[in-house]
Amino acid sequence: MAAQTQQEIQDRYEDQGFQYVTILIADSQDDVVDKVDVDTWTTTHSIETAAVLRGARSMLYNSVVTHGFPVSSWPTFVLIDRNGIVVSGLYGYSESYIVEQIETNL
């Protein structure tokens, strides 16, 4: 559901400096994401200008690694302000919550 609204949300707020970024952590077989996976994702979900990046599990926070984003489920949303400060987070998907947080923090 999140991917289906990514481009719409990007279009709605990009003129205010907002950038919606998706980081794919694993492919559909739970393997490392490659360029083909990113291309498939953007094509499947009609994403044209919103960023879709390749990531890796090493970007995630766990009990061994003390850096990275605190991701324990898919999807996880992290809203980062212009100063690089995490201002909001959400596990799961709620378009209304995401839009509210974007509008509050623009």
PDB file of N, CA and C in Angstrom:
ATOM      1  N   MET A   1       0.823  -1.197   0.000  1.00  0.00           N
ATOM      2  CA  MET A   1       0.000   0.000   0.000  1.00  0.00           C
ATOM      3  C   MET A   1       0.864   1.257   0.000  1.00  0.00           C
ATOM      4  N   ALA A   2       1.956   1.232   0.735  1.00  0.00           N
ATOM      5  CA  ALA A   2       2.818   2.413   0.805  1.00  0.00           C
ATOM      6  C   ALA A   2       3.389   2.767  -0.553  1.00  0.00           C
ATOM      7  N   ALA A   3       3.824   1.774  -1.293  1.00  0.00           N
ATOM      8  CA  ALA A   3       4.411   2.032  -2.606  1.00  0.00           C
ATOM      9  C   ALA A   3       3.389   2.625  -3.566  1.00  0.00           C
ATOM     10  N   GLN A   4       2.147   2.260  -3.404  1.00  0.00           N
ATOM     11  CA  GLN A   4       1.104   2.752  -4.297  1.00  0.00           C
ATOM     12  C   GLN A   4       0.823   4.241  -4.107  1.00  0.00           C
ATOM     13  N   THR A   5       1.160   4.794  -2.957  1.00  0.00           N
ATOM     14  CA  THR A   5       0.921   6.220  -2.706  1.00  0.00           C
ATOM     15  C   THR A   5       2.209   7.037  -2.684  1.00  0.00           C
ATOM     16  N   GLN A   6       3.359   6.398  -2.845  1.00  0.00           N
ATOM     17  CA  GLN A   6       4.639   7.111  -2.754  1.00  0.00           C
ATOM     18  C   GLN A   6       4.727   8.268  -3.739  1.00  0.00           C
ATOM     19  N   GLN A   7       4.452   8.023  -5.006  1.00  0.00           N
ATOM     20  CA  GLN A   7       4.580   9.085  -6.005  1.00  0.00           C
ATOM     21  C   GLN A   7       3.567  10.198  -5.770  1.00  0.00           C
ATOM     22  N   GLU A   8       2.353   9.824  -5.386  1.00  0.00           N
ATOM     23  CA  GLU A   8       1.316  10.832  -5.107  1.00  0.00           C
ATOM     24  C   GLU A   8       1.739  11.758  -3.974  1.00  0.00           C
ATOM     25  N   ILE A   9       2.263  11.194  -2.887  1.00  0.00           N
ATOM     26  CA  ILE A   9       2.702  12.010  -1.752  1.00  0.00           C
ATOM     27  C   ILE A   9       3.906  12.851  -2.151  1.00  0.00           C
ATOM     28  N   GLN A  10       4.843  12.281  -2.900  1.00  0.00           N
ATOM     29  CA  GLN A  10       5.994  13.036  -3.389  1.00  0.00           C
ATOM     30  C   GLN A  10       5.516  14.236  -4.209  1.00  0.00           C
ATOM     31  N   ASP A  11       4.592  14.005  -5.137  1.00  0.00           N
ATOM     32  CA  ASP A  11       4.079  15.076  -5.995  1.00  0.00           C
ATOM     33  C   ASP A  11       3.396  16.173  -5.178  1.00  0.00           C
ATOM     34  N   ARG A  12       2.678  15.768  -4.148  1.00  0.00           N
ATOM     35  CA  ARG A  12       1.906  16.722  -3.350  1.00  0.00           C
ATOM     36  C   ARG A  12       2.798  17.693  -2.567  1.00  0.00           C
ATOM     37  N   TYR A  13       3.984  17.232  -2.110  1.00  0.00           N
ATOM     38  CA  TYR A  13       4.802  18.047  -1.212  1.00  0.00           C
ATOM     39  C   TYR A  13       6.176  18.428  -1.752  1.00  0.00           C
ATOM     40  N   GLU A  14       6.553  17.959  -2.941  1.00  0.00           N
ATOM     41  CA  GLU A  14       7.914  18.218  -3.403  1.00  0.00           C
ATOM     42  C   GLU A  14       8.196  19.698  -3.624  1.00  0.00           C
ATOM     43  N   ASP A  15       7.196  20.500  -3.977  1.00  0.00           N
ATOM     44  CA  ASP A  15       7.440  21.933  -4.186  1.00  0.00           C
ATOM     45  C   ASP A  15       7.726  22.664  -2.874  1.00  0.00           C
ATOM     46  N   GLN A  16       7.535  21.962  -1.739  1.00  0.00           N
ATOM     47  CA  GLN A  16       7.864  22.515  -0.424  1.00  0.00           C
ATOM     48  C   GLN A  16       9.183  21.955   0.103  1.00  0.00           C
ATOM     49  N   GLY A  17       9.898  21.229  -0.755  1.00  0.00           N
ATOM     50  CA  GLY A  17      11.195  20.683  -0.369  1.00  0.00           C
ATOM     51  C   GLY A  17      11.152  19.279   0.188  1.00  0.00           C
ATOM     52  N   PHE A  18      10.006  18.639   0.132  1.00  0.00           N
ATOM     53  CA  PHE A  18       9.863  17.279   0.659  1.00  0.00           C
ATOM     54  C   PHE A  18      10.416  16.257  -0.327  1.00  0.00           C
ATOM     55  N   GLN A  19      11.081  15.239   0.192  1.00  0.00           N
ATOM     56  CA  GLN A  19      11.554  14.136  -0.647  1.00  0.00           C
ATOM     57  C   GLN A  19      11.156  12.823   0.005  1.00  0.00           C
ATOM     58  N   TYR A  20      10.372  12.021  -0.693  1.00  0.00           N
ATOM     59  CA  TYR A  20       9.929  10.712  -0.223  1.00  0.00           C
ATOM     60  C   TYR A  20      10.949   9.694  -0.722  1.00  0.00           C
ATOM     61  N   VAL A  21      11.611   9.026   0.182  1.00  0.00           N
ATOM     62  CA  VAL A  21      12.660   8.070  -0.176  1.00  0.00           C
ATOM     63  C   VAL A  21      12.270   6.694   0.342  1.00  0.00           C
ATOM     64  N   THR A  22      12.294   5.710  -0.547  1.00  0.00           N
ATOM     65  CA  THR A  22      12.113   4.319  -0.155  1.00  0.00           C
ATOM     66  C   THR A  22      13.470   3.643  -0.217  1.00  0.00           C
ATOM     67  N   ILE A  23      13.796   2.897   0.821  1.00  0.00           N
ATOM     68  CA  ILE A  23      15.022   2.098   0.819  1.00  0.00           C
ATOM     69  C   ILE A  23      14.596   0.635   0.883  1.00  0.00           C
ATOM     70  N   LEU A  24      14.881  -0.089  -0.189  1.00  0.00           N
ATOM     71  CA  LEU A  24      14.566  -1.515  -0.231  1.00  0.00           C
ATOM     72  C   LEU A  24      15.687  -2.264   0.482  1.00  0.00           C
ATOM     73  N   ILE A  25      15.327  -3.019   1.498  1.00  0.00           N
ATOM     74  CA  ILE A  25      16.307  -3.724   2.332  1.00  0.00           C
ATOM     75  C   ILE A  25      16.566  -5.134   1.824  1.00  0.00           C
ATOM     76  N   ALA A  26      15.554  -5.772   1.275  1.00  0.00           N
ATOM     77  CA  ALA A  26      15.688  -7.142   0.766  1.00  0.00           C
ATOM     78  C   ALA A  26      14.724  -7.306  -0.406  1.00  0.00           C
ATOM     79  N   ASP A  27      15.057  -8.231  -1.308  1.00  0.00           N
ATOM     80  CA  ASP A  27      14.155  -8.481  -2.434  1.00  0.00           C
ATOM     81  C   ASP A  27      13.074  -9.480  -2.025  1.00  0.00           C
ATOM     82  N   SER A  28      12.261  -9.885  -2.967  1.00  0.00           N
ATOM     83  CA  SER A  28      11.133 -10.770  -2.643  1.00  0.00           C
ATOM     84  C   SER A  28      11.567 -12.156  -2.174  1.00  0.00           C
ATOM     85  N   GLN A  29      12.828 -12.523  -2.423  1.00  0.00           N
ATOM     86  CA  GLN A  29      13.360 -13.792  -1.929  1.00  0.00           C
ATOM     87  C   GLN A  29      14.209 -13.598  -0.674  1.00  0.00           C
ATOM     88  N   ASP A  30      14.144 -12.384  -0.096  1.00  0.00           N
ATOM     89  CA  ASP A  30      14.902 -12.014   1.095  1.00  0.00           C
ATOM     90  C   ASP A  30      16.403 -11.993   0.831  1.00  0.00           C
ATOM     91  N   ASP A  31      16.784 -11.699  -0.421  1.00  0.00           N
ATOM     92  CA  ASP A  31      18.185 -11.583  -0.804  1.00  0.00           C
ATOM     93  C   ASP A  31      18.561 -10.112  -0.940  1.00  0.00           C
ATOM     94  N   VAL A  32      19.823  -9.864  -1.252  1.00  0.00           N
ATOM     95  CA  VAL A  32      20.335  -8.521  -1.458  1.00  0.00           C
ATOM     96  C   VAL A  32      19.612  -7.866  -2.635  1.00  0.00           C
ATOM     97  N   VAL A  33      19.275  -6.605  -2.490  1.00  0.00           N
ATOM     98  CA  VAL A  33      18.576  -5.846  -3.531  1.00  0.00           C
ATOM     99  C   VAL A  33      19.572  -5.421  -4.607  1.00  0.00           C
ATOM    100  N   ASP A  34      19.190  -5.621  -5.871  1.00  0.00           N
ATOM    101  CA  ASP A  34      20.030  -5.160  -6.972  1.00  0.00           C
ATOM    102  C   ASP A  34      19.258  -4.156  -7.827  1.00  0.00           C
ATOM    103  N   LYS A  35      19.904  -3.632  -8.856  1.00  0.00           N
ATOM    104  CA  LYS A  35      19.285  -2.611  -9.703  1.00  0.00           C
ATOM    105  C   LYS A  35      17.989  -3.111 -10.345  1.00  0.00           C
ATOM    106  N   VAL A  36      17.946  -4.362 -10.751  1.00  0.00           N
ATOM    107  CA  VAL A  36      16.739  -4.929 -11.351  1.00  0.00           C
ATOM    108  C   VAL A  36      15.576  -4.865 -10.364  1.00  0.00           C
ATOM    109  N   ASP A  37      15.836  -5.137  -9.085  1.00  0.00           N
ATOM    110  CA  ASP A  37      14.786  -5.058  -8.060  1.00  0.00           C
ATOM    111  C   ASP A  37      14.244  -3.630  -7.944  1.00  0.00           C
ATOM    112  N   VAL A  38      15.133  -2.651  -7.958  1.00  0.00           N
ATOM    113  CA  VAL A  38      14.714  -1.252  -7.868  1.00  0.00           C
ATOM    114  C   VAL A  38      13.901  -0.870  -9.105  1.00  0.00           C
ATOM    115  N   ASP A  39      14.388  -1.263 -10.275  1.00  0.00           N
ATOM    116  CA  ASP A  39      13.671  -0.966 -11.518  1.00  0.00           C
ATOM    117  C   ASP A  39      12.284  -1.613 -11.526  1.00  0.00           C
ATOM    118  N   THR A  40      12.205  -2.843 -11.064  1.00  0.00           N
ATOM    119  CA  THR A  40      10.922  -3.545 -10.995  1.00  0.00           C
ATOM    120  C   THR A  40       9.978  -2.834 -10.037  1.00  0.00           C
ATOM    121  N   TRP A  41      10.487  -2.421  -8.886  1.00  0.00           N
ATOM    122  CA  TRP A  41       9.687  -1.715  -7.877  1.00  0.00           C
ATOM    123  C   TRP A  41       9.117  -0.420  -8.448  1.00  0.00           C
ATOM    124  N   THR A  42       9.974   0.377  -9.077  1.00  0.00           N
ATOM    125  CA  THR A  42       9.511   1.669  -9.595  1.00  0.00           C
ATOM    126  C   THR A  42       8.514   1.486 -10.732  1.00  0.00           C
ATOM    127  N   THR A  43       8.739   0.516 -11.583  1.00  0.00           N
ATOM    128  CA  THR A  43       7.813   0.264 -12.688  1.00  0.00           C
ATOM    129  C   THR A  43       6.478  -0.261 -12.175  1.00  0.00           C
ATOM    130  N   THR A  44       6.529  -1.234 -11.296  1.00  0.00           N
ATOM    131  CA  THR A  44       5.315  -1.845 -10.754  1.00  0.00           C
ATOM    132  C   THR A  44       4.421  -0.827 -10.052  1.00  0.00           C
ATOM    133  N   HIS A  45       5.044   0.133  -9.361  1.00  0.00           N
ATOM    134  CA  HIS A  45       4.282   1.091  -8.551  1.00  0.00           C
ATOM    135  C   HIS A  45       4.209   2.480  -9.182  1.00  0.00           C
ATOM    136  N   SER A  46       4.565   2.582 -10.457  1.00  0.00           N
ATOM    137  CA  SER A  46       4.473   3.850 -11.210  1.00  0.00           C
ATOM    138  C   SER A  46       5.191   4.996 -10.509  1.00  0.00           C
ATOM    139  N   ILE A  47       6.376   4.718 -10.011  1.00  0.00           N
ATOM    140  CA  ILE A  47       7.171   5.736  -9.329  1.00  0.00           C
ATOM    141  C   ILE A  47       8.098   6.377 -10.358  1.00  0.00           C
ATOM    142  N   GLU A  48       7.968   7.692 -10.504  1.00  0.00           N
ATOM    143  CA  GLU A  48       8.736   8.413 -11.519  1.00  0.00           C
ATOM    144  C   GLU A  48       9.801   9.330 -10.940  1.00  0.00           C
ATOM    145  N   THR A  49       9.467  10.090  -9.892  1.00  0.00           N
ATOM    146  CA  THR A  49      10.440  11.043  -9.347  1.00  0.00           C
ATOM    147  C   THR A  49      10.776  10.809  -7.883  1.00  0.00           C
ATOM    148  N   ALA A  50       9.983  10.040  -7.164  1.00  0.00           N
ATOM    149  CA  ALA A  50      10.291   9.726  -5.771  1.00  0.00           C
ATOM    150  C   ALA A  50      11.469   8.751  -5.756  1.00  0.00           C
ATOM    151  N   ALA A  51      12.369   8.938  -4.823  1.00  0.00           N
ATOM    152  CA  ALA A  51      13.589   8.131  -4.790  1.00  0.00           C
ATOM    153  C   ALA A  51      13.338   6.726  -4.252  1.00  0.00           C
ATOM    154  N   VAL A  52      13.931   5.739  -4.928  1.00  0.00           N
ATOM    155  CA  VAL A  52      13.935   4.357  -4.459  1.00  0.00           C
ATOM    156  C   VAL A  52      15.399   3.917  -4.493  1.00  0.00           C
ATOM    157  N   LEU A  53      15.914   3.557  -3.329  1.00  0.00           N
ATOM    158  CA  LEU A  53      17.327   3.223  -3.186  1.00  0.00           C
ATOM    159  C   LEU A  53      17.521   1.776  -2.771  1.00  0.00           C
ATOM    160  N   ARG A  54      18.716   1.263  -3.059  1.00  0.00           N
ATOM    161  CA  ARG A  54      19.087  -0.071  -2.581  1.00  0.00           C
ATOM    162  C   ARG A  54      19.693   0.061  -1.202  1.00  0.00           C
ATOM    163  N   GLY A  55      19.255  -0.791  -0.301  1.00  0.00           N
ATOM    164  CA  GLY A  55      19.800  -0.809   1.042  1.00  0.00           C
ATOM    165  C   GLY A  55      20.293  -2.205   1.374  1.00  0.00           C
ATOM    166  N   ALA A  56      20.541  -2.434   2.648  1.00  0.00           N
ATOM    167  CA  ALA A  56      20.996  -3.742   3.125  1.00  0.00           C
ATOM    168  C   ALA A  56      20.622  -3.870   4.597  1.00  0.00           C
ATOM    169  N   ARG A  57      20.576  -5.077   5.055  1.00  0.00           N
ATOM    170  CA  ARG A  57      20.231  -5.307   6.462  1.00  0.00           C
ATOM    171  C   ARG A  57      21.219  -4.651   7.420  1.00  0.00           C
ATOM    172  N   SER A  58      22.438  -4.394   6.970  1.00  0.00           N
ATOM    173  CA  SER A  58      23.431  -3.745   7.826  1.00  0.00           C
ATOM    174  C   SER A  58      23.037  -2.314   8.180  1.00  0.00           C
ATOM    175  N   MET A  59      22.054  -1.749   7.468  1.00  0.00           N
ATOM    176  CA  MET A  59      21.569  -0.408   7.778  1.00  0.00           C
ATOM    177  C   MET A  59      20.640  -0.397   8.984  1.00  0.00           C
ATOM    178  N   LEU A  60      20.238  -1.554   9.426  1.00  0.00           N
ATOM    179  CA  LEU A  60      19.242  -1.662  10.480  1.00  0.00           C
ATOM    180  C   LEU A  60      19.899  -1.785  11.843  1.00  0.00           C
ATOM    181  N   TYR A  61      19.170  -1.358  12.847  1.00  0.00           N
ATOM    182  CA  TYR A  61      19.626  -1.458  14.225  1.00  0.00           C
ATOM    183  C   TYR A  61      19.272  -2.839  14.766  1.00  0.00           C
ATOM    184  N   ASN A  62      20.212  -3.464  15.430  1.00  0.00           N
ATOM    185  CA  ASN A  62      19.906  -4.709  16.148  1.00  0.00           C
ATOM    186  C   ASN A  62      20.750  -4.760  17.414  1.00  0.00           C
ATOM    187  N   SER A  63      20.691  -5.846  18.124  1.00  0.00           N
ATOM    188  CA  SER A  63      21.389  -5.917  19.411  1.00  0.00           C
ATOM    189  C   SER A  63      22.908  -5.932  19.262  1.00  0.00           C
ATOM    190  N   VAL A  64      23.418  -6.275  18.093  1.00  0.00           N
ATOM    191  CA  VAL A  64      24.867  -6.314  17.880  1.00  0.00           C
ATOM    192  C   VAL A  64      25.365  -4.971  17.347  1.00  0.00           C
ATOM    193  N   VAL A  65      24.659  -4.408  16.404  1.00  0.00           N
ATOM    194  CA  VAL A  65      25.056  -3.153  15.788  1.00  0.00           C
ATOM    195  C   VAL A  65      24.438  -1.999  16.558  1.00  0.00           C
ATOM    196  N   THR A  66      25.210  -0.974  16.833  1.00  0.00           N
ATOM    197  CA  THR A  66      24.700   0.151  17.622  1.00  0.00           C
ATOM    198  C   THR A  66      24.452   1.385  16.769  1.00  0.00           C
ATOM    199  N   HIS A  67      24.337   1.208  15.465  1.00  0.00           N
ATOM    200  CA  HIS A  67      24.012   2.316  14.572  1.00  0.00           C
ATOM    201  C   HIS A  67      22.929   1.863  13.606  1.00  0.00           C
ATOM    202  N   GLY A  68      22.411   2.777  12.844  1.00  0.00           N
ATOM    203  CA  GLY A  68      21.391   2.417  11.871  1.00  0.00           C
ATOM    204  C   GLY A  68      20.006   2.812  12.336  1.00  0.00           C
ATOM    205  N   PHE A  69      19.020   2.522  11.507  1.00  0.00           N
ATOM    206  CA  PHE A  69      17.644   2.864  11.814  1.00  0.00           C
ATOM    207  C   PHE A  69      16.974   1.729  12.574  1.00  0.00           C
ATOM    208  N   PRO A  70      16.107   2.065  13.544  1.00  0.00           N
ATOM    209  CA  PRO A  70      15.443   1.041  14.362  1.00  0.00           C
ATOM    210  C   PRO A  70      14.284   0.399  13.606  1.00  0.00           C
ATOM    211  N   VAL A  71      14.612  -0.514  12.712  1.00  0.00           N
ATOM    212  CA  VAL A  71      13.598  -1.178  11.896  1.00  0.00           C
ATOM    213  C   VAL A  71      13.424  -2.606  12.371  1.00  0.00           C
ATOM    214  N   SER A  72      12.196  -2.937  12.760  1.00  0.00           N
ATOM    215  CA  SER A  72      11.931  -4.305  13.194  1.00  0.00           C
ATOM    216  C   SER A  72      10.799  -4.936  12.399  1.00  0.00           C
ATOM    217  N   SER A  73      10.179  -4.162  11.506  1.00  0.00           N
ATOM    218  CA  SER A  73       9.114  -4.704  10.670  1.00  0.00           C
ATOM    219  C   SER A  73       9.034  -3.892   9.384  1.00  0.00           C
ATOM    220  N   TRP A  74       8.329  -4.459   8.403  1.00  0.00           N
ATOM    221  CA  TRP A  74       8.162  -3.768   7.117  1.00  0.00           C
ATOM    222  C   TRP A  74       6.708  -3.341   6.997  1.00  0.00           C
ATOM    223  N   PRO A  75       6.385  -2.199   6.526  1.00  0.00           N
ATOM    224  CA  PRO A  75       7.320  -1.096   6.302  1.00  0.00           C
ATOM    225  C   PRO A  75       7.537  -0.299   7.582  1.00  0.00           C
ATOM    226  N   THR A  76       8.642   0.431   7.614  1.00  0.00           N
ATOM    227  CA  THR A  76       8.915   1.387   8.673  1.00  0.00           C
ATOM    228  C   THR A  76       9.110   2.741   8.013  1.00  0.00           C
ATOM    229  N   PHE A  77       8.487   3.769   8.556  1.00  0.00           N
ATOM    230  CA  PHE A  77       8.625   5.125   8.031  1.00  0.00           C
ATOM    231  C   PHE A  77       9.388   5.958   9.043  1.00  0.00           C
ATOM    232  N   VAL A  78      10.372   6.684   8.569  1.00  0.00           N
ATOM    233  CA  VAL A  78      11.144   7.590   9.407  1.00  0.00           C
ATOM    234  C   VAL A  78      11.099   8.955   8.734  1.00  0.00           C
ATOM    235  N   LEU A  79      10.609   9.968   9.440  1.00  0.00           N
ATOM    236  CA  LEU A  79      10.553  11.319   8.902  1.00  0.00           C
ATOM    237  C   LEU A  79      11.721  12.106   9.484  1.00  0.00           C
ATOM    238  N   ILE A  80      12.566  12.597   8.591  1.00  0.00           N
ATOM    239  CA  ILE A  80      13.773  13.328   8.982  1.00  0.00           C
ATOM    240  C   ILE A  80      13.623  14.765   8.508  1.00  0.00           C
ATOM    241  N   ASP A  81      13.861  15.725   9.413  1.00  0.00           N
ATOM    242  CA  ASP A  81      13.695  17.124   9.016  1.00  0.00           C
ATOM    243  C   ASP A  81      14.916  17.638   8.257  1.00  0.00           C
ATOM    244  N   ARG A  82      14.859  18.887   7.860  1.00  0.00           N
ATOM    245  CA  ARG A  82      15.933  19.481   7.059  1.00  0.00           C
ATOM    246  C   ARG A  82      17.267  19.534   7.788  1.00  0.00           C
ATOM    247  N   ASN A  83      17.236  19.412   9.119  1.00  0.00           N
ATOM    248  CA  ASN A  83      18.457  19.433   9.920  1.00  0.00           C
ATOM    249  C   ASN A  83      19.003  18.033  10.193  1.00  0.00           C
ATOM    250  N   GLY A  84      18.370  17.024   9.600  1.00  0.00           N
ATOM    251  CA  GLY A  84      18.829  15.655   9.795  1.00  0.00           C
ATOM    252  C   GLY A  84      18.334  15.023  11.079  1.00  0.00           C
ATOM    253  N   ILE A  85      17.348  15.612  11.722  1.00  0.00           N
ATOM    254  CA  ILE A  85      16.803  15.108  12.979  1.00  0.00           C
ATOM    255  C   ILE A  85      15.583  14.229  12.691  1.00  0.00           C
ATOM    256  N   VAL A  86      15.551  13.037  13.282  1.00  0.00           N
ATOM    257  CA  VAL A  86      14.376  12.177  13.164  1.00  0.00           C
ATOM    258  C   VAL A  86      13.267  12.797  13.999  1.00  0.00           C
ATOM    259  N   VAL A  87      12.174  13.179  13.333  1.00  0.00           N
ATOM    260  CA  VAL A  87      11.073  13.845  14.033  1.00  0.00           C
ATOM    261  C   VAL A  87       9.850  12.961  14.208  1.00  0.00           C
ATOM    262  N   SER A  88       9.811  11.837  13.492  1.00  0.00           N
ATOM    263  CA  SER A  88       8.657  10.959  13.605  1.00  0.00           C
ATOM    264  C   SER A  88       9.017   9.593  13.047  1.00  0.00           C
ATOM    265  N   GLY A  89       8.306   8.597  13.511  1.00  0.00           N
ATOM    266  CA  GLY A  89       8.494   7.246  12.991  1.00  0.00           C
ATOM    267  C   GLY A  89       7.205   6.464  13.094  1.00  0.00           C
ATOM    268  N   LEU A  90       7.085   5.463  12.252  1.00  0.00           N
ATOM    269  CA  LEU A  90       5.869   4.660  12.229  1.00  0.00           C
ATOM    270  C   LEU A  90       6.199   3.269  11.714  1.00  0.00           C
ATOM    271  N   TYR A  91       5.782   2.251  12.441  1.00  0.00           N
ATOM    272  CA  TYR A  91       5.856   0.869  11.961  1.00  0.00           C
ATOM    273  C   TYR A  91       4.502   0.542  11.358  1.00  0.00           C
ATOM    274  N   GLY A  92       4.488   0.025  10.142  1.00  0.00           N
ATOM    275  CA  GLY A  92       3.231  -0.224   9.453  1.00  0.00           C
ATOM    276  C   GLY A  92       2.899   0.966   8.577  1.00  0.00           C
ATOM    277  N   TYR A  93       1.719   0.972   7.984  1.00  0.00           N
ATOM    278  CA  TYR A  93       1.365   2.027   7.050  1.00  0.00           C
ATOM    279  C   TYR A  93       0.062   2.706   7.442  1.00  0.00           C
ATOM    280  N   SER A  94       0.117   4.018   7.496  1.00  0.00           N
ATOM    281  CA  SER A  94      -1.068   4.842   7.703  1.00  0.00           C
ATOM    282  C   SER A  94      -0.864   6.121   6.902  1.00  0.00           C
ATOM    283  N   GLU A  95      -1.541   6.217   5.762  1.00  0.00           N
ATOM    284  CA  GLU A  95      -1.374   7.404   4.931  1.00  0.00           C
ATOM    285  C   GLU A  95      -1.747   8.675   5.686  1.00  0.00           C
ATOM    286  N   SER A  96      -2.823   8.637   6.463  1.00  0.00           N
ATOM    287  CA  SER A  96      -3.250   9.840   7.182  1.00  0.00           C
ATOM    288  C   SER A  96      -2.197  10.282   8.198  1.00  0.00           C
ATOM    289  N   TYR A  97      -1.569   9.341   8.895  1.00  0.00           N
ATOM    290  CA  TYR A  97      -0.530   9.691   9.873  1.00  0.00           C
ATOM    291  C   TYR A  97       0.694  10.258   9.164  1.00  0.00           C
ATOM    292  N   ILE A  98       1.090   9.631   8.068  1.00  0.00           N
ATOM    293  CA  ILE A  98       2.263  10.099   7.323  1.00  0.00           C
ATOM    294  C   ILE A  98       2.034  11.523   6.820  1.00  0.00           C
ATOM    295  N   VAL A  99       0.883  11.776   6.202  1.00  0.00           N
ATOM    296  CA  VAL A  99       0.565  13.111   5.697  1.00  0.00           C
ATOM    297  C   VAL A  99       0.534  14.123   6.835  1.00  0.00           C
ATOM    298  N   GLU A 100      -0.077  13.745   7.948  1.00  0.00           N
ATOM    299  CA  GLU A 100      -0.127  14.649   9.115  1.00  0.00           C
ATOM    300  C   GLU A 100       1.283  15.024   9.570  1.00  0.00           C
ATOM    301  N   GLN A 101       2.168  14.038   9.654  1.00  0.00           N
ATOM    302  CA  GLN A 101       3.526  14.299  10.108  1.00  0.00           C
ATOM    303  C   GLN A 101       4.308  15.132   9.100  1.00  0.00           C
ATOM    304  N   ILE A 102       4.107  14.892   7.825  1.00  0.00           N
ATOM    305  CA  ILE A 102       4.769  15.700   6.797  1.00  0.00           C
ATOM    306  C   ILE A 102       4.328  17.155   6.944  1.00  0.00           C
ATOM    307  N   GLU A 103       3.021  17.370   7.019  1.00  0.00           N
ATOM    308  CA  GLU A 103       2.496  18.737   7.101  1.00  0.00           C
ATOM    309  C   GLU A 103       2.920  19.436   8.384  1.00  0.00           C
ATOM    310  N   THR A 104       3.007  18.702   9.468  1.00  0.00           N
ATOM    311  CA  THR A 104       3.439  19.278  10.745  1.00  0.00           C
ATOM    312  C   THR A 104       4.896  19.707  10.703  1.00  0.00           C
ATOM    313  N   ASN A 105       5.711  18.963   9.968  1.00  0.00           N
ATOM    314  CA  ASN A 105       7.155  19.186  10.001  1.00  0.00           C
ATOM    315  C   ASN A 105       7.736  19.907   8.783  1.00  0.00           C
ATOM    316  N   LEU A 106       6.908  20.326   7.851  1.00  0.00           N
ATOM    317  CA  LEU A 106       7.427  21.072   6.708  1.00  0.00           C
ATOM    318  C   LEU A 106       7.819  22.485   7.106  1.00  0.00           C
TER     319      LEU A 106
END
